[in-house]
Protein backbone atom coordinates (compact mmCIF):
# COMPACT_ATOMS: atom_id res chain seq x y z
CA MET A 1 -107.85 29.33 35.38
CA LYS A 2 -106.71 29.49 31.76
CA THR A 3 -103.76 31.60 32.83
CA GLY A 4 -102.78 29.00 35.42
CA VAL A 5 -102.99 26.15 32.91
CA ALA A 6 -100.91 28.11 30.41
CA LEU A 7 -98.29 28.80 33.06
CA VAL A 8 -98.09 25.10 34.00
CA LEU A 9 -97.75 24.10 30.35
CA ALA A 10 -95.04 26.69 29.72
CA THR A 11 -93.11 25.56 32.78
CA SER A 12 -93.37 21.90 31.73
CA ILE A 13 -92.17 22.65 28.19
CA ALA A 14 -89.21 24.65 29.54
CA ALA A 15 -88.28 21.82 31.91
CA LEU A 16 -88.32 19.30 29.04
CA ALA A 17 -86.42 21.57 26.66
CA ALA A 18 -83.59 22.42 29.07
CA PRO A 19 -82.05 18.90 29.21
CA ALA A 20 -82.33 18.55 25.44
CA SER A 21 -80.56 21.87 24.91
CA ALA A 22 -77.82 20.89 27.35
CA GLN A 23 -77.42 17.56 25.58
CA ASP A 24 -77.26 19.30 22.19
CA SER A 25 -74.24 21.33 23.32
CA SER A 26 -72.48 18.43 25.06
CA PHE A 27 -69.01 17.24 24.09
CA THR A 28 -69.62 13.85 25.73
CA GLY A 29 -69.16 10.68 23.70
CA PRO A 30 -66.79 8.67 21.51
CA TRP A 31 -65.36 10.29 18.40
CA ILE A 32 -63.23 9.56 15.34
CA ALA A 33 -61.28 12.04 13.20
CA GLY A 34 -59.02 12.29 10.18
CA VAL A 35 -55.75 14.13 10.82
CA VAL A 36 -53.43 16.06 8.50
CA GLY A 37 -50.68 18.60 9.15
CA TYR A 38 -47.12 19.82 8.77
CA ASP A 39 -44.33 17.83 10.45
CA ILE A 40 -40.89 19.20 11.46
CA ASN A 41 -38.21 16.93 13.00
CA LYS A 42 -34.94 18.38 14.23
CA ALA A 43 -32.11 18.01 16.73
CA GLY A 44 -33.01 18.58 20.37
CA SER A 45 -31.35 21.19 22.57
CA SER A 46 -28.69 18.84 23.97
CA ILE A 47 -27.23 18.18 20.51
CA ASP A 48 -28.07 21.51 18.91
CA ASP A 49 -24.96 22.41 16.89
CA ASP A 50 -24.34 26.11 16.24
CA ILE A 51 -21.01 25.41 14.47
CA ASN A 52 -22.05 22.62 12.10
CA SER A 53 -25.26 23.95 10.58
CA ASP A 54 -25.90 20.64 8.81
CA ARG A 55 -26.77 19.02 12.13
CA ASP A 56 -29.38 21.69 12.74
CA GLN A 57 -31.23 21.12 9.50
CA SER A 58 -34.64 19.54 9.87
CA ALA A 59 -36.59 16.79 8.16
CA GLU A 60 -39.91 18.28 7.12
CA GLY A 61 -43.02 17.00 5.40
CA PHE A 62 -46.72 16.31 5.74
CA MET A 63 -48.26 14.00 8.31
CA TYR A 64 -51.59 12.23 7.99
CA GLY A 65 -53.61 9.61 9.82
CA ALA A 66 -56.55 9.01 12.11
CA ALA A 67 -57.46 9.46 15.77
CA VAL A 68 -60.13 8.07 18.10
CA GLY A 69 -61.13 9.05 21.60
CA TYR A 70 -63.79 9.62 24.22
CA ASP A 71 -64.68 12.88 25.95
CA TYR A 72 -66.79 13.60 29.01
CA ASP A 73 -68.47 16.98 29.39
CA LEU A 74 -68.45 18.19 33.01
CA GLY A 75 -70.12 21.49 32.25
CA ASN A 76 -67.60 24.21 31.44
CA VAL A 77 -64.76 21.66 31.52
CA VAL A 78 -64.29 18.67 29.21
CA VAL A 79 -61.90 15.77 29.92
CA GLY A 80 -61.04 12.87 27.65
CA GLY A 81 -58.58 10.32 26.31
CA GLU A 82 -57.38 9.76 22.78
CA ALA A 83 -55.21 7.53 20.58
CA GLU A 84 -53.71 8.40 17.21
CA LEU A 85 -51.87 6.63 14.40
CA THR A 86 -50.15 8.74 11.75
CA ASP A 87 -47.49 8.54 9.06
CA SER A 88 -45.27 11.27 7.62
CA SER A 89 -43.50 12.24 4.42
CA ALA A 90 -40.70 14.03 6.34
CA ASP A 91 -37.21 12.89 5.37
CA SER A 92 -33.56 13.88 5.49
CA ASP A 93 -31.63 15.68 2.77
CA TYR A 94 -30.47 12.64 0.82
CA ASP A 95 -27.93 14.64 -1.16
CA ASN A 96 -25.96 15.35 2.02
CA ASN A 97 -25.44 12.38 4.36
CA ALA A 98 -23.99 14.74 6.98
CA VAL A 99 -27.44 16.15 7.59
CA THR A 100 -28.42 14.13 10.63
CA PHE A 101 -30.40 16.26 13.11
CA GLY A 102 -29.10 13.67 15.57
CA LEU A 103 -30.43 10.46 13.99
CA GLY A 104 -28.64 10.03 10.68
CA SER A 105 -30.31 9.85 7.28
CA VAL A 106 -33.86 8.82 8.07
CA ASP A 107 -37.36 8.79 6.67
CA ALA A 108 -40.04 9.54 9.27
CA GLY A 109 -42.48 6.66 9.56
CA ARG A 110 -45.49 5.76 11.65
CA ASP A 111 -46.19 7.49 14.93
CA ILE A 112 -48.35 6.09 17.74
CA TYR A 113 -49.75 8.46 20.35
CA VAL A 114 -51.83 7.77 23.47
CA GLY A 115 -52.79 10.56 25.86
CA GLY A 116 -55.41 12.74 27.46
CA ARG A 117 -56.73 16.25 27.17
CA VAL A 118 -58.54 18.85 29.25
CA GLY A 119 -60.67 21.52 27.65
CA PHE A 120 -62.59 24.66 28.58
CA LYS A 121 -65.77 25.57 26.69
CA ALA A 122 -65.37 29.14 25.49
CA THR A 123 -68.87 28.86 23.98
CA PRO A 124 -71.36 25.97 23.90
CA ALA A 125 -69.85 24.90 20.56
CA THR A 126 -66.19 25.96 21.01
CA MET A 127 -63.59 24.30 23.22
CA VAL A 128 -60.01 25.36 23.92
CA TYR A 129 -57.90 22.46 25.20
CA ALA A 130 -54.46 21.22 26.24
CA LYS A 131 -53.15 17.68 25.76
CA ALA A 132 -50.31 15.46 26.95
CA GLY A 133 -49.27 11.86 26.49
CA TYR A 134 -46.86 9.21 25.23
CA THR A 135 -45.59 8.94 21.67
CA ASN A 136 -43.63 6.20 19.90
CA ALA A 137 -42.22 7.24 16.53
CA ARG A 138 -40.44 5.16 13.91
CA PHE A 139 -37.66 6.56 11.74
CA ASN A 140 -36.58 4.40 8.79
CA TYR A 141 -32.90 4.45 7.90
CA VAL A 142 -32.35 5.35 4.27
CA SER A 143 -29.61 5.11 1.68
CA GLY A 144 -27.85 8.07 0.12
CA GLY A 145 -30.25 7.89 -2.82
CA GLY A 146 -33.30 8.26 -0.67
CA ASP A 147 -34.51 4.65 -0.81
CA ILE A 148 -35.93 3.30 2.44
CA ASP A 149 -33.77 0.63 4.03
CA TYR A 150 -36.35 -1.82 5.30
CA SER A 151 -33.73 -3.97 7.03
CA SER A 152 -33.55 -1.62 10.03
CA ASN A 153 -35.32 1.29 11.64
CA LEU A 154 -35.19 3.31 14.83
CA ASP A 155 -38.07 3.25 17.30
CA ALA A 156 -38.10 6.33 19.54
CA ASP A 157 -40.00 6.85 22.79
CA GLY A 158 -41.02 10.25 24.11
CA TYR A 159 -43.71 12.58 25.35
CA ARG A 160 -46.06 14.99 23.61
CA LEU A 161 -47.58 18.30 24.71
CA GLY A 162 -50.10 20.28 22.73
CA ALA A 163 -52.87 22.83 22.67
CA GLY A 164 -55.70 23.58 20.30
CA VAL A 165 -59.26 24.62 19.65
CA GLU A 166 -62.22 22.47 18.67
CA GLN A 167 -65.26 23.90 16.91
CA ARG A 168 -68.51 22.03 16.48
CA PHE A 169 -70.29 22.61 13.17
CA GLY A 170 -73.61 23.05 14.95
CA MET A 171 -75.99 21.70 17.54
CA SER A 172 -77.23 18.15 17.03
CA GLY A 173 -80.87 17.53 16.38
CA PRO A 174 -83.50 17.14 13.61
CA GLY A 175 -82.61 18.95 10.42
CA ASN A 176 -78.90 19.26 11.28
CA PRO A 177 -77.03 16.11 10.19
CA LEU A 178 -73.67 17.82 10.86
CA GLY A 179 -74.52 18.61 14.46
CA ASN A 180 -72.10 16.01 15.79
CA ALA A 181 -69.28 16.94 13.38
CA PHE A 182 -66.32 19.05 14.47
CA ALA A 183 -63.04 20.56 13.30
CA ARG A 184 -59.83 21.11 15.24
CA LEU A 185 -56.65 23.09 14.85
CA GLU A 186 -53.75 22.38 17.20
CA TYR A 187 -50.02 22.70 17.76
CA ARG A 188 -48.08 19.85 19.35
CA TYR A 189 -44.50 19.45 20.52
CA SER A 190 -42.87 16.05 21.01
CA ASN A 191 -39.47 15.12 22.42
CA TYR A 192 -37.92 11.68 21.99
CA SER A 193 -35.28 10.73 24.54
CA LYS A 194 -34.87 6.95 24.07
CA GLY A 195 -34.21 4.96 20.93
CA GLU A 196 -33.78 1.36 19.83
CA ILE A 197 -32.62 0.02 16.47
CA ASP A 198 -34.91 -2.74 15.23
CA PHE A 199 -33.58 -5.17 12.63
CA GLU A 200 -36.06 -6.89 10.35
CA THR A 201 -33.68 -9.80 9.75
CA PRO A 202 -34.87 -12.64 12.05
CA ASP A 203 -31.41 -13.73 13.18
CA VAL A 204 -30.23 -10.21 14.13
CA ALA A 205 -31.12 -9.03 17.63
CA ASP A 206 -32.44 -5.53 18.22
CA SER A 207 -30.08 -3.06 19.87
CA ASP A 208 -30.17 -2.00 23.50
CA ARG A 209 -32.06 1.21 24.22
CA PHE A 210 -29.89 4.32 24.04
CA ASN A 211 -30.27 8.05 24.64
CA ILE A 212 -31.32 10.40 21.85
CA ASP A 213 -32.65 13.95 21.76
CA THR A 214 -35.02 14.66 18.89
CA ASP A 215 -37.65 17.41 18.79
CA ARG A 216 -40.83 17.29 16.74
CA HIS A 217 -43.11 20.23 15.96
CA GLN A 218 -46.46 19.74 14.25
CA ILE A 219 -49.29 22.02 13.19
CA VAL A 220 -52.31 19.79 12.73
CA GLY A 221 -55.87 20.12 11.50
CA SER A 222 -58.54 17.46 11.85
CA VAL A 223 -62.17 16.86 11.00
CA GLY A 224 -64.29 14.28 12.78
CA ILE A 225 -67.61 13.23 14.19
CA ARG A 226 -68.79 12.46 17.71
CA PHE A 227 -71.21 9.56 18.18
């Protein structure tokens, strides 16, 4: 009799613990993260210039910002959507106005990204993922001395592809306040194919959209928390 009661109790405890354990390892929920990384902007393949090396020089610097999103854990697969707003210190070589990488002398500005991602859980706390979406980047035109020309800028539309790994700091639960925190490392490639010159002066109309070809490579790390 005692053995039977013990068996029933053990089975009941296991049944209650299983959902909690599954929930502890879940990637489901909204999240927010800080983002920082290295940003490289250069001429795309259609305007790659092997003769004039100046046109192949890149504008490089550090990018930083924040991202928000929501993920849904389907078991071994995780799907989600995300939005990101970043800025960048990347700029042209102001001592040489011929360095254009296809856009002219510019200072990389804010970048808006909206997209989705699909991940595979390599372990209960580790996810490898791929992402894709839309990006709108702003490049500020600058003077030869490196001062930003706030009277006009170029807004560029394009797409972004990326891949990365997300690592949770631990399982959520009592005694582990960092259980919902995570870190990510990812690479992303963006290509901008359409541009428009925006003039800040009220009586000057913006330009028509025109074709461009600008590549962007970023290596990005982020730290965040899932709610």
